[in-house]
């Protein structure tokens, strides 16, 4: 699985860090410990990032679905 952050250029460096960690399922408290920031600051950065309109796209390869979508040798029905 691969995560793609679209609109990242709109975000500051810290906002990108917070968004990535949030999208990975980390709590504000945990992110604060990782980045050395307070929970209020984390929440402010995340809120500000959301207003800038980024998108997170999850890319899941076909193999993880039990499919090989790029197998050109496979017979078509």
N, C-alpha and C. Protein backbone atom coordinates (compact mmCIF):
# COMPACT_ATOMS: atom_id res chain seq x y z
N UNK A 1 0.85 -1.18 0.00
CA UNK A 1 0.00 0.00 0.00
C UNK A 1 0.89 1.24 0.00
N UNK A 2 0.43 2.24 -0.69
CA UNK A 2 1.19 3.47 -0.85
C UNK A 2 0.24 4.64 -0.62
N UNK A 3 0.65 5.62 0.18
CA UNK A 3 -0.15 6.82 0.39
C UNK A 3 0.42 7.96 -0.45
N UNK A 4 -0.47 8.68 -1.10
CA UNK A 4 -0.06 9.85 -1.87
C UNK A 4 -0.78 11.06 -1.30
N UNK A 5 -0.03 12.11 -1.03
CA UNK A 5 -0.58 13.34 -0.48
C UNK A 5 -0.66 14.36 -1.61
N UNK A 6 -1.87 14.62 -2.08
CA UNK A 6 -2.06 15.59 -3.16
C UNK A 6 -2.34 16.95 -2.55
N UNK A 7 -1.74 17.98 -3.11
CA UNK A 7 -1.89 19.33 -2.58
C UNK A 7 -0.89 19.63 -1.49
N UNK A 8 0.13 18.79 -1.35
CA UNK A 8 1.14 18.97 -0.30
C UNK A 8 1.89 20.29 -0.45
N UNK A 9 1.98 20.78 -1.69
CA UNK A 9 2.71 22.03 -1.93
C UNK A 9 2.03 23.22 -1.26
N UNK A 10 0.77 23.06 -0.90
CA UNK A 10 0.03 24.13 -0.22
C UNK A 10 0.33 24.18 1.28
N UNK A 11 0.93 23.10 1.78
CA UNK A 11 1.14 22.96 3.22
C UNK A 11 2.56 23.35 3.62
N UNK A 12 2.68 23.88 4.84
CA UNK A 12 4.02 24.14 5.38
C UNK A 12 4.68 22.81 5.72
N UNK A 13 5.97 22.87 5.98
CA UNK A 13 6.70 21.65 6.35
C UNK A 13 6.07 20.97 7.57
N UNK A 14 5.79 21.75 8.62
CA UNK A 14 5.20 21.20 9.84
C UNK A 14 3.79 20.65 9.59
N UNK A 15 3.00 21.35 8.77
CA UNK A 15 1.66 20.86 8.45
C UNK A 15 1.75 19.51 7.74
N UNK A 16 2.69 19.38 6.81
CA UNK A 16 2.88 18.09 6.11
C UNK A 16 3.25 16.99 7.09
N UNK A 17 4.16 17.30 8.02
CA UNK A 17 4.55 16.30 9.00
C UNK A 17 3.33 15.83 9.81
N UNK A 18 2.54 16.78 10.27
CA UNK A 18 1.38 16.45 11.09
C UNK A 18 0.36 15.66 10.27
N UNK A 19 0.10 16.08 9.06
CA UNK A 19 -0.88 15.39 8.21
C UNK A 19 -0.45 13.95 7.96
N UNK A 20 0.80 13.75 7.61
CA UNK A 20 1.28 12.39 7.34
C UNK A 20 1.12 11.50 8.58
N UNK A 21 1.52 12.01 9.72
CA UNK A 21 1.40 11.21 10.95
C UNK A 21 -0.06 10.97 11.33
N UNK A 22 -0.91 11.97 11.15
CA UNK A 22 -2.35 11.79 11.43
C UNK A 22 -2.93 10.74 10.50
N UNK A 23 -2.60 10.81 9.22
CA UNK A 23 -3.14 9.85 8.25
C UNK A 23 -2.61 8.44 8.48
N UNK A 24 -1.49 8.33 9.20
CA UNK A 24 -0.97 7.02 9.58
C UNK A 24 -1.63 6.50 10.85
N UNK A 25 -2.56 7.31 11.40
CA UNK A 25 -3.31 6.86 12.57
C UNK A 25 -2.74 7.27 13.90
N UNK A 26 -1.75 8.14 13.91
CA UNK A 26 -1.15 8.59 15.17
C UNK A 26 -2.08 9.59 15.86
N UNK A 27 -2.08 9.58 17.17
CA UNK A 27 -2.87 10.53 17.96
C UNK A 27 -2.13 11.86 18.05
N UNK A 28 -2.84 12.92 18.37
CA UNK A 28 -2.21 14.23 18.54
C UNK A 28 -1.15 14.18 19.64
N UNK A 29 -1.43 13.45 20.71
CA UNK A 29 -0.48 13.32 21.81
C UNK A 29 0.81 12.65 21.33
N UNK A 30 0.65 11.56 20.56
CA UNK A 30 1.80 10.83 20.05
C UNK A 30 2.59 11.69 19.06
N UNK A 31 1.90 12.40 18.19
CA UNK A 31 2.56 13.28 17.22
C UNK A 31 3.34 14.37 17.95
N UNK A 32 2.74 14.91 19.00
CA UNK A 32 3.41 15.93 19.79
C UNK A 32 4.71 15.43 20.37
N UNK A 33 4.71 14.19 20.84
CA UNK A 33 5.94 13.61 21.39
C UNK A 33 6.98 13.39 20.31
N UNK A 34 6.54 12.94 19.14
CA UNK A 34 7.46 12.69 18.03
C UNK A 34 8.10 13.99 17.55
N UNK A 35 7.29 15.03 17.40
CA UNK A 35 7.78 16.30 16.84
C UNK A 35 8.25 17.30 17.90
N UNK A 36 8.04 16.99 19.16
CA UNK A 36 8.44 17.90 20.22
C UNK A 36 7.56 19.14 20.30
N UNK A 37 6.27 18.96 20.02
CA UNK A 37 5.31 20.07 20.04
C UNK A 37 4.15 19.73 20.98
N UNK A 38 3.44 20.76 21.41
CA UNK A 38 2.28 20.55 22.26
C UNK A 38 1.08 20.07 21.46
N UNK A 39 0.16 19.44 22.15
CA UNK A 39 -1.05 18.91 21.51
C UNK A 39 -1.86 20.04 20.86
N UNK A 40 -1.96 21.18 21.51
CA UNK A 40 -2.70 22.30 20.93
C UNK A 40 -2.07 22.75 19.61
N UNK A 41 -0.75 22.76 19.56
CA UNK A 41 -0.06 23.14 18.32
C UNK A 41 -0.33 22.11 17.23
N UNK A 42 -0.29 20.84 17.57
CA UNK A 42 -0.59 19.77 16.60
C UNK A 42 -1.99 19.95 16.05
N UNK A 43 -2.96 20.17 16.93
CA UNK A 43 -4.34 20.34 16.49
C UNK A 43 -4.52 21.57 15.61
N UNK A 44 -3.81 22.65 15.93
CA UNK A 44 -3.87 23.86 15.11
C UNK A 44 -3.27 23.61 13.73
N UNK A 45 -2.12 22.96 13.68
CA UNK A 45 -1.48 22.66 12.40
C UNK A 45 -2.37 21.76 11.54
N UNK A 46 -2.98 20.77 12.15
CA UNK A 46 -3.86 19.84 11.41
C UNK A 46 -5.10 20.56 10.89
N UNK A 47 -5.68 21.38 11.73
CA UNK A 47 -6.86 22.16 11.33
C UNK A 47 -6.52 23.11 10.19
N UNK A 48 -5.40 23.78 10.29
CA UNK A 48 -4.96 24.71 9.25
C UNK A 48 -4.71 23.96 7.93
N UNK A 49 -4.10 22.79 8.02
CA UNK A 49 -3.83 21.99 6.83
C UNK A 49 -5.13 21.57 6.15
N UNK A 50 -6.13 21.19 6.94
CA UNK A 50 -7.41 20.76 6.35
C UNK A 50 -8.08 21.88 5.57
N UNK A 51 -7.91 23.13 6.02
CA UNK A 51 -8.53 24.26 5.30
C UNK A 51 -7.82 24.56 3.98
N UNK A 52 -6.60 24.03 3.81
CA UNK A 52 -5.85 24.28 2.58
C UNK A 52 -6.17 23.27 1.47
N UNK A 53 -6.98 22.29 1.77
CA UNK A 53 -7.50 21.39 0.75
C UNK A 53 -6.57 20.34 0.21
N UNK A 54 -5.87 19.62 1.06
CA UNK A 54 -5.06 18.50 0.59
C UNK A 54 -5.94 17.27 0.46
N UNK A 55 -5.47 16.27 -0.26
CA UNK A 55 -6.16 14.99 -0.38
C UNK A 55 -5.17 13.87 -0.14
N UNK A 56 -5.63 12.83 0.53
CA UNK A 56 -4.81 11.64 0.70
C UNK A 56 -5.42 10.55 -0.17
N UNK A 57 -4.59 9.98 -1.02
CA UNK A 57 -5.02 8.92 -1.92
C UNK A 57 -4.27 7.66 -1.51
N UNK A 58 -5.01 6.58 -1.33
CA UNK A 58 -4.39 5.30 -0.99
C UNK A 58 -4.29 4.48 -2.28
N UNK A 59 -3.09 4.07 -2.60
CA UNK A 59 -2.85 3.27 -3.78
C UNK A 59 -2.54 1.85 -3.31
N UNK A 60 -3.38 0.92 -3.70
CA UNK A 60 -3.21 -0.48 -3.30
C UNK A 60 -2.92 -1.30 -4.55
N UNK A 61 -1.73 -1.89 -4.65
CA UNK A 61 -1.39 -2.69 -5.83
C UNK A 61 -2.35 -3.88 -5.98
N UNK A 62 -2.58 -4.28 -7.22
CA UNK A 62 -3.48 -5.39 -7.50
C UNK A 62 -3.10 -6.66 -6.78
N UNK A 63 -1.80 -6.86 -6.56
CA UNK A 63 -1.35 -8.08 -5.89
C UNK A 63 -1.97 -8.20 -4.49
N UNK A 64 -2.18 -7.06 -3.84
CA UNK A 64 -2.77 -7.08 -2.50
C UNK A 64 -4.25 -7.43 -2.55
N UNK A 65 -4.85 -7.33 -3.72
CA UNK A 65 -6.26 -7.69 -3.91
C UNK A 65 -6.38 -9.10 -4.49
N UNK A 66 -5.23 -9.74 -4.68
CA UNK A 66 -5.24 -11.06 -5.29
C UNK A 66 -5.37 -10.98 -6.80
N UNK A 67 -4.99 -9.85 -7.40
CA UNK A 67 -5.09 -9.67 -8.84
C UNK A 67 -3.76 -9.13 -9.34
N UNK A 68 -3.39 -9.53 -10.54
CA UNK A 68 -2.24 -8.94 -11.20
C UNK A 68 -2.78 -8.17 -12.40
N UNK A 69 -3.01 -6.90 -12.22
CA UNK A 69 -3.64 -6.08 -13.24
C UNK A 69 -2.72 -5.79 -14.41
N UNK A 70 -1.44 -6.04 -14.26
CA UNK A 70 -0.48 -5.71 -15.29
C UNK A 70 0.08 -6.94 -15.99
N UNK A 71 -0.55 -8.09 -15.79
CA UNK A 71 -0.10 -9.33 -16.42
C UNK A 71 -0.59 -9.34 -17.86
N UNK A 72 0.30 -9.03 -18.80
CA UNK A 72 -0.09 -8.96 -20.21
C UNK A 72 -0.22 -10.32 -20.85
N UNK A 73 0.28 -11.36 -20.17
CA UNK A 73 0.18 -12.71 -20.71
C UNK A 73 -1.12 -13.40 -20.34
N UNK A 74 -1.88 -12.81 -19.45
CA UNK A 74 -3.14 -13.41 -19.01
C UNK A 74 -4.14 -13.42 -20.16
N UNK A 75 -4.88 -14.51 -20.25
CA UNK A 75 -5.89 -14.62 -21.32
C UNK A 75 -7.12 -13.81 -20.97
N UNK A 76 -7.69 -13.16 -21.96
CA UNK A 76 -8.93 -12.43 -21.77
C UNK A 76 -10.09 -13.35 -22.05
N UNK A 77 -11.14 -13.21 -21.31
CA UNK A 77 -12.33 -14.05 -21.54
C UNK A 77 -13.26 -13.39 -22.51
